[in-house]
Amino acid sequence: MLLLRSKSPRRKEIFDTLNLVYEIDPFEVDESSFAGERPLDYLKRITLAKLGPAPLNSSDLYVSADTIVVFENSILQKPTDIQDAIEMLRMLNGKSHFVYSGLGLSSHEKTIFDYDTSEVEFKKLEKEKIQKYVKEALPLDKAGAYGIQDFGSPVKNFKGSYTNIVGFPIRKFYSEHDLWSPFLRGNITISEWNTFQ
């Protein structure tokens, strides 16, 4: 059994598009950061914690992911409310930041952590446009208070993997193809795979 340890609709969509046979069973963790904790240390700790206990069955594989937005070496978590989302976007307005998505894989024999990095540049938006985006997109479940895939997204351009910014480090997942390929309903062609980069 392939178990996705996430309730994110975006990660579910990626797994569906990959044509994987899987089940969803999130493992809830406290996502608070420690005082002085560096962003990548936080990412590794939370991603691995979301895996939960290791599978007992040798044929099972658990997959977790966590995404953080980092601006000036500080993590921007999911906003607490609409006003918090507006403040985050005003902070990022017209500037660049980094998005890191961690990948956790846990089998009966081993646990793997890896991550990917993308750089995102925001458009320079007036206050009214920021407020309009937040009220229409309601990005309260997204790190940094935005989704690159949203209509009216504040993203101007980016470097790196698009899917990584959406919330799943697909290139790192593919590098562990041997672990999850038994759960494919069919084969993925190169052209299909390239759509995820």
Protein backbone atom coordinates (compact mmCIF):
# COMPACT_ATOMS: atom_id res chain seq x y z
CA MET A 1 0.00 0.00 0.00
CA LEU A 2 1.14 3.51 -0.86
CA LEU A 3 0.09 5.98 1.81
CA LEU A 4 0.10 9.75 1.22
CA ARG A 5 0.58 11.47 4.56
CA SER A 6 -1.04 14.72 3.45
CA LYS A 7 -4.51 16.19 3.05
CA SER A 8 -3.29 18.80 0.58
CA PRO A 9 -5.58 18.83 -2.49
CA ARG A 10 -2.59 19.89 -4.61
CA ARG A 11 -0.52 16.84 -3.61
CA LYS A 12 -3.54 14.60 -4.17
CA GLU A 13 -3.91 16.05 -7.67
CA ILE A 14 -0.25 15.30 -8.42
CA PHE A 15 -0.62 11.70 -7.23
CA ASP A 16 -3.79 11.30 -9.30
CA THR A 17 -2.09 12.69 -12.39
CA LEU A 18 0.82 10.29 -11.86
CA ASN A 19 -1.76 7.49 -11.95
CA LEU A 20 -0.72 6.08 -8.59
CA VAL A 21 -2.76 3.63 -6.55
CA TYR A 22 -2.70 5.10 -3.05
CA GLU A 23 -4.64 6.05 0.06
CA ILE A 24 -4.67 9.30 2.02
CA ASP A 25 -3.99 9.17 5.75
CA PRO A 26 -2.47 12.39 7.13
CA PHE A 27 -0.37 12.12 10.27
CA GLU A 28 -0.96 15.30 12.24
CA VAL A 29 2.04 17.00 13.84
CA ASP A 30 2.74 20.25 15.66
CA GLU A 31 4.29 22.47 12.99
CA SER A 32 5.60 25.10 15.39
CA SER A 33 9.24 26.01 14.87
CA PHE A 34 11.87 25.96 17.61
CA ALA A 35 13.63 29.13 18.70
CA GLY A 36 16.63 29.71 16.46
CA GLU A 37 15.78 26.74 14.21
CA ARG A 38 17.14 27.13 10.69
CA PRO A 39 14.63 26.80 7.83
CA LEU A 40 16.08 23.62 6.33
CA ASP A 41 16.41 21.99 9.76
CA TYR A 42 12.76 22.80 10.36
CA LEU A 43 11.79 21.42 6.95
CA LYS A 44 13.55 18.11 7.58
CA ARG A 45 12.12 17.71 11.08
CA ILE A 46 8.53 18.40 10.05
CA THR A 47 8.65 16.39 6.82
CA LEU A 48 9.97 13.31 8.63
CA ALA A 49 7.56 13.78 11.54
CA LYS A 50 4.64 13.72 9.10
CA LEU A 51 5.59 10.20 8.06
CA GLY A 52 4.49 8.88 11.44
CA PRO A 53 5.53 5.39 12.59
CA ALA A 54 7.40 3.28 10.03
CA PRO A 55 5.35 0.74 8.03
CA LEU A 56 5.20 -2.74 9.54
CA ASN A 57 4.43 -4.36 6.21
CA SER A 58 7.42 -4.77 3.88
CA SER A 59 5.27 -3.91 0.84
CA ASP A 60 4.06 -0.55 2.21
CA LEU A 61 5.47 2.88 1.45
CA TYR A 62 4.57 6.13 3.22
CA VAL A 63 5.10 9.51 1.55
CA SER A 64 5.08 12.89 3.26
CA ALA A 65 5.84 16.43 2.14
CA ASP A 66 6.13 19.88 3.62
CA THR A 67 6.58 23.23 1.91
CA ILE A 68 8.04 26.39 3.39
CA VAL A 69 8.39 29.91 2.05
CA VAL A 70 11.59 31.59 3.20
CA PHE A 71 12.14 35.34 3.03
CA GLU A 72 15.32 36.88 4.43
CA ASN A 73 16.09 33.59 6.19
CA SER A 74 12.74 33.57 8.02
CA ILE A 75 9.96 31.04 7.46
CA LEU A 76 6.56 32.37 6.44
CA GLN A 77 4.02 29.85 7.73
CA LYS A 78 0.41 29.54 6.66
CA PRO A 79 -1.43 32.77 7.51
CA THR A 80 -3.65 32.77 10.58
CA ASP A 81 -6.34 34.91 8.95
CA ILE A 82 -7.02 37.23 6.01
CA GLN A 83 -5.21 40.18 7.56
CA ASP A 84 -2.14 38.03 8.24
CA ALA A 85 -2.22 36.87 4.60
CA ILE A 86 -2.34 40.46 3.37
CA GLU A 87 0.63 41.39 5.57
CA MET A 88 2.68 38.46 4.25
CA LEU A 89 1.99 39.41 0.66
CA ARG A 90 2.85 43.04 1.33
CA MET A 91 6.17 41.85 2.77
CA LEU A 92 6.90 39.80 -0.37
CA ASN A 93 5.53 42.41 -2.77
CA GLY A 94 7.92 43.11 -5.66
CA LYS A 95 10.66 40.98 -4.11
CA SER A 96 12.15 37.50 -4.44
CA HIS A 97 12.01 34.64 -1.96
CA PHE A 98 12.71 30.92 -1.87
CA VAL A 99 10.35 27.96 -1.70
CA TYR A 100 11.58 24.66 -0.28
CA SER A 101 9.55 21.47 -0.48
CA GLY A 102 10.68 18.49 1.55
CA LEU A 103 10.02 14.85 0.66
CA GLY A 104 9.81 12.02 3.15
CA LEU A 105 9.70 8.35 2.17
CA SER A 106 9.37 5.55 4.69
CA SER A 107 9.45 1.84 3.94
CA HIS A 108 9.86 -1.17 6.19
CA GLU A 109 13.63 -0.96 5.63
CA LYS A 110 14.58 2.71 5.40
CA THR A 111 13.56 6.35 5.71
CA ILE A 112 14.59 8.99 3.16
CA PHE A 113 14.52 12.78 3.28
CA ASP A 114 15.26 15.10 0.37
CA TYR A 115 14.17 18.54 -0.77
CA ASP A 116 14.06 20.84 -3.76
CA THR A 117 14.48 24.62 -4.03
CA SER A 118 12.81 27.20 -6.24
CA GLU A 119 13.20 30.97 -6.36
CA VAL A 120 10.07 33.06 -6.81
CA GLU A 121 9.75 36.72 -7.78
CA PHE A 122 6.57 38.64 -7.01
CA LYS A 123 4.94 41.31 -9.11
CA LYS A 124 4.77 44.81 -7.66
CA LEU A 125 1.10 45.07 -6.70
CA GLU A 126 -0.95 47.90 -5.27
CA LYS A 127 -2.56 47.34 -1.89
CA GLU A 128 -6.02 46.98 -3.43
CA LYS A 129 -4.87 44.18 -5.76
CA ILE A 130 -3.30 42.29 -2.86
CA GLN A 131 -6.54 42.55 -0.90
CA LYS A 132 -8.56 41.44 -3.92
CA TYR A 133 -6.35 38.38 -4.46
CA VAL A 134 -6.60 37.31 -0.82
CA LYS A 135 -10.38 37.74 -0.69
CA GLU A 136 -10.90 35.80 -3.94
CA ALA A 137 -8.22 33.07 -3.63
CA LEU A 138 -8.45 32.64 0.18
CA PRO A 139 -4.88 31.27 0.38
CA LEU A 140 -5.07 30.57 4.11
CA ASP A 141 -3.96 26.95 3.69
CA LYS A 142 -0.81 27.90 1.77
CA ALA A 143 2.64 28.75 3.06
CA GLY A 144 3.44 32.37 2.33
CA ALA A 145 -0.26 33.10 1.69
CA TYR A 146 -0.25 32.42 -2.05
CA GLY A 147 -0.48 29.72 -4.67
CA ILE A 148 1.44 29.99 -7.91
CA GLN A 149 -1.41 28.14 -9.61
CA ASP A 150 -4.10 30.56 -8.39
CA PHE A 151 -5.98 32.87 -10.73
CA GLY A 152 -4.52 36.33 -10.14
CA SER A 153 -1.42 34.88 -8.47
CA PRO A 154 1.13 37.53 -7.39
CA VAL A 155 3.99 35.52 -8.95
CA LYS A 156 5.86 37.32 -11.72
CA ASN A 157 8.36 34.58 -12.56
CA PHE A 158 10.32 31.75 -10.97
CA LYS A 159 13.45 29.64 -11.26
CA GLY A 160 13.36 25.92 -10.61
CA SER A 161 10.53 23.42 -10.44
CA TYR A 162 6.95 24.67 -10.74
CA THR A 163 5.59 21.60 -8.93
CA ASN A 164 8.00 22.26 -6.08
CA ILE A 165 6.36 25.67 -5.59
CA VAL A 166 2.89 24.10 -5.75
CA GLY A 167 3.95 21.93 -2.82
CA PHE A 168 5.60 18.69 -3.93
CA PRO A 169 9.27 18.15 -4.98
CA ILE A 170 8.45 16.03 -8.01
CA ARG A 171 12.05 15.82 -9.27
CA LYS A 172 13.19 14.36 -5.96
CA PHE A 173 10.23 11.98 -5.94
CA TYR A 174 11.16 10.77 -9.39
CA SER A 175 14.73 10.04 -8.26
CA GLU A 176 13.22 7.43 -5.89
CA HIS A 177 11.20 5.86 -8.71
CA ASP A 178 12.21 2.33 -7.73
CA LEU A 179 10.41 2.67 -4.42
CA TRP A 180 7.03 3.86 -5.70
CA SER A 181 6.88 2.38 -9.23
CA PRO A 182 5.09 -0.79 -7.94
CA PHE A 183 2.10 1.44 -7.17
CA LEU A 184 1.68 2.79 -10.71
CA ARG A 185 -1.47 1.90 -12.64
CA GLY A 186 0.53 2.22 -15.84
CA ASN A 187 3.76 3.63 -17.24
CA ILE A 188 4.58 7.33 -17.46
CA THR A 189 5.97 8.58 -20.75
CA ILE A 190 8.78 11.13 -20.88
CA SER A 191 6.45 13.77 -22.35
CA GLU A 192 3.93 13.21 -19.56
CA TRP A 193 6.65 13.43 -16.94
CA ASN A 194 8.01 16.68 -18.35
CA THR A 195 4.68 18.38 -17.65
CA PHE A 196 5.43 18.10 -13.94
CA GLN A 197 8.82 19.82 -13.91
